[in-house]
Amino acid sequence: MTESETPTNETESSAPESAVAAAVPEAQTPEPTAAEPPPGAFFWGTGRRKCAVARVRLMRGAGKILINQRAVDQFFQEPQERLAVRESLLATKTEGAFDVFVNVRGGGHTGQAQAIRLGVARALVRADARHEAPLRDKGYLTRDARIVERKKYGQRKARRRFQFSKR
């Protein structure tokens, strides 16, 4: 074979480089847009704390909060528990933009309030991904995994021993 018969890389390419670059669009990462949900759409979030489990639904609305079909002020008596329910909404400045419907079971009042806070935060992130940064900075998207330590046999409680009598 001679040089004229052997194909080279320059002759194999039929299109110039600029034409190939123009034909393939560059990969662009689209910014997350807040697509307007259809009217009546719900955003779900589940929150857990100790033994409490809260199932939260968010819907665009006037800002009412119902917990087990009762208003938040009737369900929680303590002001810090009422505040815990609203903290996720206050952090994202969406307090009057969503109606919050919660079903919560198990645990005590404090555990239920903190479970609702986590559920509302998760639902807000599903509603709009831009809410994730302020919620994560305040720690509202982090599950608190601490639970009550179990009682051990031969002891009075989890760590408390029976009283020892020397005589």
C-alpha atoms as a PDB file:
ATOM      1  CA  MET A   1       0.000   0.000   0.000  1.00  0.00           C
ATOM      2  CA  THR A   2       1.125   3.481  -0.696  1.00  0.00           C
ATOM      3  CA  GLU A   3       0.525   6.635   1.237  1.00  0.00           C
ATOM      4  CA  SER A   4      -2.180   7.814  -1.132  1.00  0.00           C
ATOM      5  CA  GLU A   5      -4.179   4.578  -0.641  1.00  0.00           C
ATOM      6  CA  THR A   6      -4.013   4.625   3.199  1.00  0.00           C
ATOM      7  CA  PRO A   7      -6.776   6.740   4.748  1.00  0.00           C
ATOM      8  CA  THR A   8      -5.674   9.247   7.352  1.00  0.00           C
ATOM      9  CA  ASN A   9      -7.589  10.724  10.256  1.00  0.00           C
ATOM     10  CA  GLU A  10      -7.917  14.029   8.432  1.00  0.00           C
ATOM     11  CA  THR A  11      -9.649  12.502   5.410  1.00  0.00           C
ATOM     12  CA  GLU A  12     -11.963  10.245   7.480  1.00  0.00           C
ATOM     13  CA  SER A  13     -13.659  13.191   9.105  1.00  0.00           C
ATOM     14  CA  SER A  14     -16.134  14.527   6.568  1.00  0.00           C
ATOM     15  CA  ALA A  15     -17.449  17.433   8.650  1.00  0.00           C
ATOM     16  CA  PRO A  16     -15.309  20.220  10.048  1.00  0.00           C
ATOM     17  CA  GLU A  17     -14.956  20.455  13.848  1.00  0.00           C
ATOM     18  CA  SER A  18     -17.017  23.631  14.135  1.00  0.00           C
ATOM     19  CA  ALA A  19     -19.985  21.976  12.425  1.00  0.00           C
ATOM     20  CA  VAL A  20     -19.800  18.976  14.789  1.00  0.00           C
ATOM     21  CA  ALA A  21     -19.632  21.236  17.826  1.00  0.00           C
ATOM     22  CA  ALA A  22     -22.649  23.179  16.618  1.00  0.00           C
ATOM     23  CA  ALA A  23     -24.657  19.984  16.035  1.00  0.00           C
ATOM     24  CA  VAL A  24     -24.173  18.699  19.628  1.00  0.00           C
ATOM     25  CA  PRO A  25     -25.657  21.107  22.185  1.00  0.00           C
ATOM     26  CA  GLU A  26     -23.731  21.566  25.389  1.00  0.00           C
ATOM     27  CA  ALA A  27     -25.236  19.932  28.446  1.00  0.00           C
ATOM     28  CA  GLN A  28     -26.841  22.642  30.514  1.00  0.00           C
ATOM     29  CA  THR A  29     -28.096  22.057  34.013  1.00  0.00           C
ATOM     30  CA  PRO A  30     -31.467  23.716  34.378  1.00  0.00           C
ATOM     31  CA  GLU A  31     -32.110  25.638  37.557  1.00  0.00           C
ATOM     32  CA  PRO A  32     -34.803  24.117  39.729  1.00  0.00           C
ATOM     33  CA  THR A  33     -37.982  25.959  38.922  1.00  0.00           C
ATOM     34  CA  ALA A  34     -40.983  26.157  41.148  1.00  0.00           C
ATOM     35  CA  ALA A  35     -43.589  24.643  38.877  1.00  0.00           C
ATOM     36  CA  GLU A  36     -47.000  25.758  40.029  1.00  0.00           C
ATOM     37  CA  PRO A  37     -48.831  22.673  41.293  1.00  0.00           C
ATOM     38  CA  PRO A  38     -52.396  22.035  40.199  1.00  0.00           C
ATOM     39  CA  PRO A  39     -55.045  23.473  42.518  1.00  0.00           C
ATOM     40  CA  GLY A  40     -55.769  21.172  45.436  1.00  0.00           C
ATOM     41  CA  ALA A  41     -52.427  19.334  45.152  1.00  0.00           C
ATOM     42  CA  PHE A  42     -50.944  18.019  48.363  1.00  0.00           C
ATOM     43  CA  PHE A  43     -47.309  17.754  49.367  1.00  0.00           C
ATOM     44  CA  TRP A  44     -46.623  14.923  51.806  1.00  0.00           C
ATOM     45  CA  GLY A  45     -44.017  14.653  54.530  1.00  0.00           C
ATOM     46  CA  THR A  46     -43.485  12.159  57.348  1.00  0.00           C
ATOM     47  CA  GLY A  47     -41.821  13.093  60.600  1.00  0.00           C
ATOM     48  CA  ARG A  48     -40.750  10.848  63.470  1.00  0.00           C
ATOM     49  CA  ARG A  49     -39.411  11.598  66.950  1.00  0.00           C
ATOM     50  CA  LYS A  50     -39.125   9.082  69.800  1.00  0.00           C
ATOM     51  CA  CYS A  51     -42.364   7.073  69.445  1.00  0.00           C
ATOM     52  CA  ALA A  52     -44.342   9.832  67.693  1.00  0.00           C
ATOM     53  CA  VAL A  53     -45.172   9.587  63.984  1.00  0.00           C
ATOM     54  CA  ALA A  54     -46.632  12.585  62.120  1.00  0.00           C
ATOM     55  CA  ARG A  55     -48.073  12.380  58.618  1.00  0.00           C
ATOM     56  CA  VAL A  56     -48.191  15.911  57.197  1.00  0.00           C
ATOM     57  CA  ARG A  57     -50.018  17.246  54.135  1.00  0.00           C
ATOM     58  CA  LEU A  58     -49.382  20.743  52.791  1.00  0.00           C
ATOM     59  CA  MET A  59     -51.747  22.479  50.418  1.00  0.00           C
ATOM     60  CA  ARG A  60     -51.660  26.013  49.048  1.00  0.00           C
ATOM     61  CA  GLY A  61     -54.024  28.037  51.165  1.00  0.00           C
ATOM     62  CA  ALA A  62     -54.542  30.655  53.854  1.00  0.00           C
ATOM     63  CA  GLY A  63     -52.240  29.251  56.533  1.00  0.00           C
ATOM     64  CA  LYS A  64     -54.505  27.245  58.820  1.00  0.00           C
ATOM     65  CA  ILE A  65     -52.935  24.384  60.774  1.00  0.00           C
ATOM     66  CA  LEU A  66     -55.052  21.390  61.810  1.00  0.00           C
ATOM     67  CA  ILE A  67     -53.646  18.584  63.946  1.00  0.00           C
ATOM     68  CA  ASN A  68     -55.919  15.532  64.266  1.00  0.00           C
ATOM     69  CA  GLN A  69     -58.848  17.721  63.072  1.00  0.00           C
ATOM     70  CA  ARG A  70     -58.180  20.305  65.822  1.00  0.00           C
ATOM     71  CA  ALA A  71     -56.563  23.729  65.630  1.00  0.00           C
ATOM     72  CA  VAL A  72     -52.940  23.897  66.721  1.00  0.00           C
ATOM     73  CA  ASP A  73     -53.816  26.142  69.683  1.00  0.00           C
ATOM     74  CA  GLN A  74     -56.322  23.574  70.955  1.00  0.00           C
ATOM     75  CA  PHE A  75     -54.046  20.578  70.417  1.00  0.00           C
ATOM     76  CA  PHE A  76     -50.867  21.960  72.009  1.00  0.00           C
ATOM     77  CA  GLN A  77     -51.081  23.887  75.286  1.00  0.00           C
ATOM     78  CA  GLU A  78     -47.410  24.860  75.640  1.00  0.00           C
ATOM     79  CA  PRO A  79     -46.092  27.820  73.594  1.00  0.00           C
ATOM     80  CA  GLN A  80     -42.809  26.052  72.700  1.00  0.00           C
ATOM     81  CA  GLU A  81     -44.785  23.170  71.153  1.00  0.00           C
ATOM     82  CA  ARG A  82     -46.918  25.588  69.111  1.00  0.00           C
ATOM     83  CA  LEU A  83     -43.740  27.318  67.959  1.00  0.00           C
ATOM     84  CA  ALA A  84     -42.098  23.989  67.021  1.00  0.00           C
ATOM     85  CA  VAL A  85     -44.977  23.271  64.624  1.00  0.00           C
ATOM     86  CA  ARG A  86     -44.519  26.651  62.901  1.00  0.00           C
ATOM     87  CA  GLU A  87     -40.692  26.766  62.887  1.00  0.00           C
ATOM     88  CA  SER A  88     -40.262  25.185  59.447  1.00  0.00           C
ATOM     89  CA  LEU A  89     -42.782  27.591  57.939  1.00  0.00           C
ATOM     90  CA  LEU A  90     -41.135  30.581  59.618  1.00  0.00           C
ATOM     91  CA  ALA A  91     -37.663  29.553  58.401  1.00  0.00           C
ATOM     92  CA  THR A  92     -38.850  29.526  54.771  1.00  0.00           C
ATOM     93  CA  LYS A  93     -41.142  32.587  55.143  1.00  0.00           C
ATOM     94  CA  THR A  94     -44.178  30.596  53.949  1.00  0.00           C
ATOM     95  CA  GLU A  95     -46.341  30.765  57.073  1.00  0.00           C
ATOM     96  CA  GLY A  96     -49.472  32.121  55.370  1.00  0.00           C
ATOM     97  CA  ALA A  97     -48.962  30.353  52.051  1.00  0.00           C
ATOM     98  CA  PHE A  98     -49.832  26.752  53.013  1.00  0.00           C
ATOM     99  CA  ASP A  99     -52.598  24.982  54.874  1.00  0.00           C
ATOM    100  CA  VAL A 100     -51.131  22.229  57.068  1.00  0.00           C
ATOM    101  CA  PHE A 101     -53.066  19.046  57.849  1.00  0.00           C
ATOM    102  CA  VAL A 102     -51.444  16.635  60.308  1.00  0.00           C
ATOM    103  CA  ASN A 103     -52.273  13.193  61.650  1.00  0.00           C
ATOM    104  CA  VAL A 104     -50.015  12.395  64.594  1.00  0.00           C
ATOM    105  CA  ARG A 105     -49.918   9.337  66.859  1.00  0.00           C
ATOM    106  CA  GLY A 106     -47.753   8.005  69.654  1.00  0.00           C
ATOM    107  CA  GLY A 107     -45.303   9.588  72.047  1.00  0.00           C
ATOM    108  CA  GLY A 108     -45.854  12.656  74.190  1.00  0.00           C
ATOM    109  CA  HIS A 109     -46.572  16.255  73.325  1.00  0.00           C
ATOM    110  CA  THR A 110     -42.958  17.315  72.823  1.00  0.00           C
ATOM    111  CA  GLY A 111     -42.156  14.323  70.622  1.00  0.00           C
ATOM    112  CA  GLN A 112     -45.277  14.936  68.570  1.00  0.00           C
ATOM    113  CA  ALA A 113     -44.449  18.622  68.097  1.00  0.00           C
ATOM    114  CA  GLN A 114     -40.922  17.810  66.923  1.00  0.00           C
ATOM    115  CA  ALA A 115     -42.215  15.044  64.622  1.00  0.00           C
ATOM    116  CA  ILE A 116     -44.619  17.558  63.057  1.00  0.00           C
ATOM    117  CA  ARG A 117     -41.759  20.032  62.548  1.00  0.00           C
ATOM    118  CA  LEU A 118     -39.760  17.399  60.628  1.00  0.00           C
ATOM    119  CA  GLY A 119     -42.801  16.383  58.578  1.00  0.00           C
ATOM    120  CA  VAL A 120     -43.598  19.981  57.629  1.00  0.00           C
ATOM    121  CA  ALA A 121     -39.956  20.575  56.645  1.00  0.00           C
ATOM    122  CA  ARG A 122     -39.917  17.498  54.402  1.00  0.00           C
ATOM    123  CA  ALA A 123     -43.198  18.505  52.771  1.00  0.00           C
ATOM    124  CA  LEU A 124     -41.883  22.031  52.123  1.00  0.00           C
ATOM    125  CA  VAL A 125     -38.857  20.588  50.328  1.00  0.00           C
ATOM    126  CA  ARG A 126     -41.183  18.534  48.131  1.00  0.00           C
ATOM    127  CA  ALA A 127     -43.210  21.661  47.404  1.00  0.00           C
ATOM    128  CA  ASP A 128     -40.156  23.677  46.399  1.00  0.00           C
ATOM    129  CA  ALA A 129     -36.531  22.478  46.351  1.00  0.00           C
ATOM    130  CA  ARG A 130     -35.291  25.998  47.136  1.00  0.00           C
ATOM    131  CA  HIS A 131     -36.528  25.578  50.719  1.00  0.00           C
ATOM    132  CA  GLU A 132     -33.963  22.859  51.443  1.00  0.00           C
ATOM    133  CA  ALA A 133     -30.988  25.148  52.187  1.00  0.00           C
ATOM    134  CA  PRO A 134     -32.571  27.262  54.954  1.00  0.00           C
ATOM    135  CA  LEU A 135     -34.247  24.226  56.505  1.00  0.00           C
ATOM    136  CA  ARG A 136     -31.040  22.191  56.518  1.00  0.00           C
ATOM    137  CA  ASP A 137     -29.057  25.122  57.977  1.00  0.00           C
ATOM    138  CA  LYS A 138     -31.433  25.280  60.954  1.00  0.00           C
ATOM    139  CA  GLY A 139     -31.400  21.473  61.367  1.00  0.00           C
ATOM    140  CA  TYR A 140     -35.091  20.950  60.629  1.00  0.00           C
ATOM    141  CA  LEU A 141     -34.457  18.209  58.039  1.00  0.00           C
ATOM    142  CA  THR A 142     -32.345  16.083  60.379  1.00  0.00           C
ATOM    143  CA  ARG A 143     -34.107  13.194  62.132  1.00  0.00           C
ATOM    144  CA  ASP A 144     -33.387  13.072  65.861  1.00  0.00           C
ATOM    145  CA  ALA A 145     -32.811   9.340  66.349  1.00  0.00           C
ATOM    146  CA  ARG A 146     -32.617   9.365  70.146  1.00  0.00           C
ATOM    147  CA  ILE A 147     -35.145   7.029  71.744  1.00  0.00           C
ATOM    148  CA  VAL A 148     -35.713   5.729  75.251  1.00  0.00           C
ATOM    149  CA  GLU A 149     -33.188   3.112  76.301  1.00  0.00           C
ATOM    150  CA  ARG A 150     -34.759  -0.233  77.142  1.00  0.00           C
ATOM    151  CA  LYS A 151     -35.010  -1.570  80.681  1.00  0.00           C
ATOM    152  CA  LYS A 152     -32.548  -4.354  81.514  1.00  0.00           C
ATOM    153  CA  TYR A 153     -33.359  -7.380  83.634  1.00  0.00           C
ATOM    154  CA  GLY A 154     -31.869  -7.410  87.117  1.00  0.00           C
ATOM    155  CA  GLN A 155     -32.119  -3.624  87.270  1.00  0.00           C
ATOM    156  CA  ARG A 156     -34.783  -1.184  88.318  1.00  0.00           C
ATOM    157  CA  LYS A 157     -34.676   0.888  85.098  1.00  0.00           C
ATOM    158  CA  ALA A 158     -32.402   1.090  82.070  1.00  0.00           C
ATOM    159  CA  ARG A 159     -29.371   2.048  84.163  1.00  0.00           C
ATOM    160  CA  ARG A 160     -30.676   2.360  87.733  1.00  0.00           C
ATOM    161  CA  ARG A 161     -29.740  -0.644  89.835  1.00  0.00           C
ATOM    162  CA  PHE A 162     -31.623  -2.068  92.772  1.00  0.00           C
ATOM    163  CA  GLN A 163     -30.411  -0.704  96.097  1.00  0.00           C
ATOM    164  CA  PHE A 164     -27.517  -2.709  97.480  1.00  0.00           C
ATOM    165  CA  SER A 165     -27.713  -3.695 101.134  1.00  0.00           C
ATOM    166  CA  LYS A 166     -24.476  -4.843 102.726  1.00  0.00           C
ATOM    167  CA  ARG A 167     -26.173  -6.117 105.902  1.00  0.00           C
END
